[in-house]
């Protein structure tokens, strides 16, 4: 049964009218709400039930059925939000005595894993800038530095020369909440940084003599400008994965963990105040361990 009864249709329309009046929802949101409650109504009709006589166990069965159909946890959670809103309205309007959705908890959706690049992707991206030009040499040094340190883009573009200590191989980072942290630099990033400082930076400097990576106008580069440069370089490198301003920061953390780094060390390097923020990367590392086990263990079944 795919058709709604007239009673169900009118009931849903009345609720949507209230949603539009009270919340000013867009047509797109209203249509999503309509689809969510319509699916529930059709399912209930197939169970010889109605929206007004729905029990809590029926809602749980409906949600379980949606999951069994392959609907993701986030979509189920969004649909449950619409159902909860719908039944709150019915209770407020006096159409039902008990709200069957009241005590149903939203499904745990988990935190999404950050998108990352393989080590081969990163190598291609790092090699993309034309280092025969001052801007290309600057871009190469910036990419090497952000991948070597996991800096946020804002931290990178606002770096000053005094924050870099090439002799000790350290960068002093001013992070969120003005918290300072020291992050080591690898040989490759130090090499490109030294070459940039020697060959390109003097040609780009403007009034702000302290900026480490000035824009082509000699001013502080915006994070949007650097992000635009990354997208250009990804095209040159043939990296077709969807990138974000944090892509290289995520790659830094993931690749460290894949090579055996301790989670608390990665936390310190990223400047996370709470370890739980860093723990989203453990799923990536665990998958890497599982892959290695399946590939190399004699009793893995492969």
Protein backbone atom coordinates (compact mmCIF):
# COMPACT_ATOMS: atom_id res chain seq x y z
CA UNK A 1 0.00 0.00 0.00
CA UNK A 2 1.61 3.25 -1.17
CA UNK A 3 -1.33 5.64 -1.00
CA UNK A 4 -2.31 7.65 2.05
CA UNK A 5 -5.84 7.75 3.36
CA UNK A 6 -7.48 11.16 3.18
CA UNK A 7 -7.40 11.42 6.98
CA UNK A 8 -3.65 10.88 7.06
CA UNK A 9 -3.06 13.32 4.24
CA UNK A 10 -5.08 16.08 5.89
CA UNK A 11 -3.39 15.46 9.24
CA UNK A 12 0.08 15.79 7.72
CA UNK A 13 -0.94 18.93 5.81
CA UNK A 14 -2.23 20.56 9.02
CA UNK A 15 1.04 19.81 10.81
CA UNK A 16 3.10 21.17 7.93
CA UNK A 17 1.03 24.37 7.88
CA UNK A 18 1.86 24.84 11.57
CA UNK A 19 5.56 24.16 10.90
CA UNK A 20 5.58 26.80 8.17
CA UNK A 21 3.77 29.38 10.31
CA UNK A 22 5.81 28.86 13.48
CA UNK A 23 9.26 28.08 12.08
CA UNK A 24 9.18 29.60 8.61
CA UNK A 25 10.61 26.42 7.11
CA UNK A 26 11.67 26.36 3.48
CA UNK A 27 9.79 24.39 0.83
CA UNK A 28 12.66 21.91 0.77
CA UNK A 29 12.43 21.30 4.53
CA UNK A 30 8.65 21.01 4.43
CA UNK A 31 8.86 18.47 1.62
CA UNK A 32 11.41 16.43 3.61
CA UNK A 33 9.09 16.49 6.63
CA UNK A 34 6.15 15.45 4.45
CA UNK A 35 8.13 12.53 3.03
CA UNK A 36 9.26 11.40 6.49
CA UNK A 37 5.77 11.29 8.02
CA UNK A 38 4.20 9.95 4.84
CA UNK A 39 6.55 6.96 4.95
CA UNK A 40 5.51 6.30 8.54
CA UNK A 41 1.81 6.65 7.69
CA UNK A 42 2.04 4.27 4.73
CA UNK A 43 3.92 1.72 6.85
CA UNK A 44 1.33 1.97 9.64
CA UNK A 45 -1.49 1.48 7.15
CA UNK A 46 0.24 -1.70 6.02
CA UNK A 47 0.14 -2.82 9.66
CA UNK A 48 -3.55 -1.89 9.94
CA UNK A 49 -2.54 1.07 12.11
CA UNK A 50 -2.97 4.83 11.99
CA UNK A 51 -0.94 7.86 12.92
CA UNK A 52 -3.34 8.75 15.73
CA UNK A 53 -3.34 5.26 17.25
CA UNK A 54 0.38 4.56 16.92
CA UNK A 55 2.18 2.89 19.82
CA UNK A 56 5.80 3.26 20.84
CA UNK A 57 6.64 -0.31 19.82
CA UNK A 58 5.28 0.40 16.34
CA UNK A 59 7.57 3.40 15.93
CA UNK A 60 10.52 1.26 17.02
CA UNK A 61 9.53 -1.41 14.50
CA UNK A 62 9.23 1.21 11.77
CA UNK A 63 12.68 2.63 12.53
CA UNK A 64 14.18 -0.86 12.65
CA UNK A 65 12.55 -1.59 9.29
CA UNK A 66 14.11 1.55 7.81
CA UNK A 67 17.51 0.41 9.05
CA UNK A 68 17.00 -3.06 7.58
CA UNK A 69 16.22 -1.43 4.23
CA UNK A 70 19.73 0.02 4.25
CA UNK A 71 18.85 3.56 5.35
CA UNK A 72 21.84 5.13 7.13
CA UNK A 73 21.86 6.05 10.82
CA UNK A 74 21.96 9.77 10.04
CA UNK A 75 18.90 9.54 7.79
CA UNK A 76 17.03 7.50 10.42
CA UNK A 77 17.98 10.07 13.08
CA UNK A 78 16.71 12.90 10.88
CA UNK A 79 13.42 11.05 10.25
CA UNK A 80 13.00 10.39 13.96
CA UNK A 81 13.37 14.14 14.59
CA UNK A 82 10.48 14.79 12.21
CA UNK A 83 8.39 12.07 13.90
CA UNK A 84 9.08 13.52 17.35
CA UNK A 85 8.05 16.97 16.15
CA UNK A 86 4.90 15.57 14.59
CA UNK A 87 3.80 13.76 17.74
CA UNK A 88 4.61 16.73 19.98
CA UNK A 89 2.23 18.73 17.82
CA UNK A 90 -0.50 16.06 18.02
CA UNK A 91 -0.17 15.98 21.82
CA UNK A 92 -0.30 19.78 22.06
CA UNK A 93 -3.36 19.90 19.82
CA UNK A 94 -5.12 17.33 21.98
CA UNK A 95 -5.33 14.79 19.16
CA UNK A 96 -3.57 12.09 21.22
CA UNK A 97 -3.30 11.46 24.96
CA UNK A 98 0.22 9.98 25.04
CA UNK A 99 3.21 10.83 22.86
CA UNK A 100 4.56 7.49 21.55
CA UNK A 101 7.83 9.08 20.39
CA UNK A 102 8.63 10.82 23.67
CA UNK A 103 10.99 8.22 25.16
CA UNK A 104 12.58 7.01 21.92
CA UNK A 105 16.26 7.95 21.85
CA UNK A 106 17.92 9.13 18.70
CA UNK A 107 20.27 6.54 17.16
CA UNK A 108 23.95 7.12 17.67
CA UNK A 109 25.37 8.31 14.39
CA UNK A 110 29.03 8.54 15.44
CA UNK A 111 31.46 11.18 14.33
CA UNK A 112 32.26 11.19 10.63
CA UNK A 113 35.79 10.17 9.75
CA UNK A 114 37.84 13.01 8.32
CA UNK A 115 38.55 12.77 4.62
CA UNK A 116 42.20 12.06 4.04
CA UNK A 117 44.76 11.45 1.33
CA UNK A 118 47.03 8.50 0.76
CA UNK A 119 50.76 9.05 1.08
CA UNK A 120 51.01 8.81 -2.72
CA UNK A 121 48.34 11.53 -3.05
CA UNK A 122 50.32 13.78 -0.72
CA UNK A 123 53.56 13.19 -2.63
CA UNK A 124 51.83 14.18 -5.87
CA UNK A 125 50.33 17.28 -4.26
CA UNK A 126 53.67 18.37 -2.77
CA UNK A 127 55.34 18.05 -6.16
CA UNK A 128 52.67 20.09 -7.98
CA UNK A 129 53.92 23.71 -7.44
CA UNK A 130 56.27 25.21 -10.03
CA UNK A 131 59.28 25.88 -7.81
CA UNK A 132 61.02 27.89 -10.53
CA UNK A 133 58.78 30.83 -9.55
CA UNK A 134 58.67 32.70 -6.21
CA UNK A 135 54.98 31.90 -5.70
CA UNK A 136 55.50 28.24 -6.58
CA UNK A 137 58.43 27.98 -4.19
CA UNK A 138 56.34 29.62 -1.47
CA UNK A 139 53.48 27.18 -2.11
CA UNK A 140 55.83 24.19 -1.95
CA UNK A 141 57.25 25.39 1.36
CA UNK A 142 53.75 25.96 2.75
CA UNK A 143 52.56 22.50 1.69
CA UNK A 144 55.66 20.84 3.11
CA UNK A 145 55.25 22.74 6.37
CA UNK A 146 51.55 22.03 6.85
CA UNK A 147 51.99 18.33 6.09
CA UNK A 148 55.03 18.10 8.37
CA UNK A 149 53.30 19.80 11.29
CA UNK A 150 49.52 19.36 10.95
CA UNK A 151 48.93 23.08 11.40
CA UNK A 152 45.49 24.56 10.89
CA UNK A 153 45.34 26.73 7.77
CA UNK A 154 44.82 29.87 9.86
CA UNK A 155 47.88 28.98 11.95
CA UNK A 156 49.91 28.51 8.78
CA UNK A 157 49.02 31.74 6.97
CA UNK A 158 49.60 33.88 10.08
CA UNK A 159 53.03 32.42 10.90
CA UNK A 160 55.83 34.91 11.42
CA UNK A 161 59.53 34.32 10.86
CA UNK A 162 60.21 34.57 14.58
CA UNK A 163 58.02 31.52 15.19
CA UNK A 164 60.39 29.33 13.19
CA UNK A 165 63.61 27.99 14.72
CA UNK A 166 65.44 26.22 11.87
CA UNK A 167 68.46 25.41 14.04
CA UNK A 168 66.37 23.45 16.54
CA UNK A 169 63.94 22.30 13.85
CA UNK A 170 60.87 23.66 15.67
CA UNK A 171 57.90 25.88 14.94
CA UNK A 172 56.13 27.71 17.77
CA UNK A 173 52.42 27.68 16.99
CA UNK A 174 49.79 30.03 18.42
CA UNK A 175 46.62 27.94 18.31
CA UNK A 176 43.02 28.27 19.42
CA UNK A 177 42.58 30.24 22.63
CA UNK A 178 46.09 31.68 22.15
CA UNK A 179 47.56 28.39 23.36
CA UNK A 180 51.16 27.81 22.32
CA UNK A 181 52.66 24.52 21.27
CA UNK A 182 56.00 23.47 19.82
CA UNK A 183 55.92 21.22 16.77
CA UNK A 184 59.03 19.61 15.24
CA UNK A 185 59.93 20.04 11.57
CA UNK A 186 61.28 17.24 9.43
CA UNK A 187 64.33 17.45 7.18
CA UNK A 188 62.28 17.78 3.99
CA UNK A 189 60.19 20.69 5.28
CA UNK A 190 63.32 22.39 6.65
CA UNK A 191 65.01 22.02 3.25
CA UNK A 192 62.15 23.66 1.36
CA UNK A 193 61.70 26.31 4.01
CA UNK A 194 65.39 27.28 3.82
CA UNK A 195 65.27 27.44 0.04
CA UNK A 196 62.10 29.55 0.14
CA UNK A 197 63.58 31.97 2.68
CA UNK A 198 66.70 32.33 0.59
CA UNK A 199 65.26 32.55 -2.93
CA UNK A 200 61.61 33.61 -2.84
CA UNK A 201 60.56 35.37 0.34
CA UNK A 202 62.68 38.53 -0.25
CA UNK A 203 60.84 38.98 -3.57
CA UNK A 204 57.40 38.74 -1.98
CA UNK A 205 57.81 40.85 1.16
CA UNK A 206 55.67 43.93 1.54
CA UNK A 207 55.25 46.26 4.51
CA UNK A 208 54.90 43.40 7.00
CA UNK A 209 58.47 42.17 7.25
CA UNK A 210 57.58 39.51 9.83
CA UNK A 211 55.12 37.47 7.76
CA UNK A 212 56.59 34.11 6.88
CA UNK A 213 54.38 33.47 3.86
CA UNK A 214 53.19 36.77 2.35
CA UNK A 215 50.71 36.89 -0.52
CA UNK A 216 51.71 38.08 -3.98
CA UNK A 217 50.83 41.60 -2.74
CA UNK A 218 53.09 41.27 0.29
CA UNK A 219 50.16 41.09 2.73
CA UNK A 220 48.86 38.35 5.01
CA UNK A 221 47.35 35.60 2.91
CA UNK A 222 43.75 34.64 3.70
CA UNK A 223 42.86 31.02 4.40
CA UNK A 224 40.52 31.19 1.39
CA UNK A 225 43.43 32.14 -0.87
CA UNK A 226 45.54 29.26 0.37
CA UNK A 227 42.59 26.90 -0.04
CA UNK A 228 42.18 28.12 -3.63
CA UNK A 229 45.87 27.43 -4.25
CA UNK A 230 45.52 23.89 -2.86
CA UNK A 231 42.62 23.17 -5.21
CA UNK A 232 44.67 24.43 -8.16
CA UNK A 233 47.62 22.25 -7.17
CA UNK A 234 45.37 19.22 -6.69
CA UNK A 235 44.23 19.62 -10.30
CA UNK A 236 47.84 19.77 -11.47
CA UNK A 237 48.68 16.70 -9.36
CA UNK A 238 45.72 14.74 -10.65
CA UNK A 239 44.30 14.29 -7.15
CA UNK A 240 40.57 13.92 -7.74
CA UNK A 241 39.46 13.32 -4.15
CA UNK A 242 37.27 15.95 -2.55
CA UNK A 243 39.53 18.21 -0.49
CA UNK A 244 38.90 20.54 2.41
CA UNK A 245 41.03 23.20 4.12
CA UNK A 246 41.93 20.56 6.74
CA UNK A 247 42.86 17.81 4.27
CA UNK A 248 46.61 17.94 4.87
CA UNK A 249 46.09 18.28 8.64
CA UNK A 250 44.02 15.10 8.55
CA UNK A 251 46.63 13.37 6.39
CA UNK A 252 49.35 14.39 8.87
CA UNK A 253 47.46 12.79 11.78
CA UNK A 254 46.37 9.69 9.92
CA UNK A 255 49.79 8.94 8.47
CA UNK A 256 51.46 9.39 11.86
CA UNK A 257 49.09 6.89 13.44
CA UNK A 258 49.48 4.47 10.55
CA UNK A 259 53.23 4.50 11.19
CA UNK A 260 52.82 3.75 14.88
CA UNK A 261 52.64 7.17 16.58
CA UNK A 262 50.99 7.34 19.99
CA UNK A 263 47.55 8.98 20.05
CA UNK A 264 48.54 11.39 22.84
CA UNK A 265 51.56 12.54 20.86
CA UNK A 266 49.30 13.28 17.89
CA UNK A 267 46.96 15.14 20.26
CA UNK A 268 49.81 17.40 21.38
CA UNK A 269 51.02 18.01 17.84
CA UNK A 270 47.53 18.92 16.61
CA UNK A 271 46.88 21.18 19.57
CA UNK A 272 43.71 19.36 20.67
CA UNK A 273 42.81 20.22 24.26
CA UNK A 274 40.67 17.08 24.57
CA UNK A 275 41.87 13.62 23.59
CA UNK A 276 38.35 12.70 22.44
CA UNK A 277 38.78 15.15 19.56
CA UNK A 278 41.85 13.26 18.39
CA UNK A 279 40.21 9.86 18.82
CA UNK A 280 38.28 10.21 15.56
CA UNK A 281 41.57 9.23 13.92
CA UNK A 282 41.83 5.93 15.78
CA UNK A 283 39.20 4.45 13.48
CA UNK A 284 41.50 5.14 10.55
CA UNK A 285 44.44 3.57 12.36
CA UNK A 286 42.38 0.55 13.43
CA UNK A 287 41.31 -0.04 9.84
CA UNK A 288 44.97 0.10 8.82
CA UNK A 289 45.81 -2.52 11.46
CA UNK A 290 42.99 -4.75 10.28
CA UNK A 291 44.14 -4.45 6.68
CA UNK A 292 47.71 -5.34 7.66
CA UNK A 293 46.50 -8.29 9.71
CA UNK A 294 44.36 -9.61 6.87
CA UNK A 295 47.25 -9.26 4.47
CA UNK A 296 50.09 -10.74 6.56
CA UNK A 297 48.76 -13.01 9.31
CA UNK A 298 48.97 -16.71 8.33
CA UNK A 299 45.58 -17.45 9.94
CA UNK A 300 43.73 -14.35 8.76
CA UNK A 301 41.76 -16.38 6.24
CA UNK A 302 43.12 -14.58 3.19
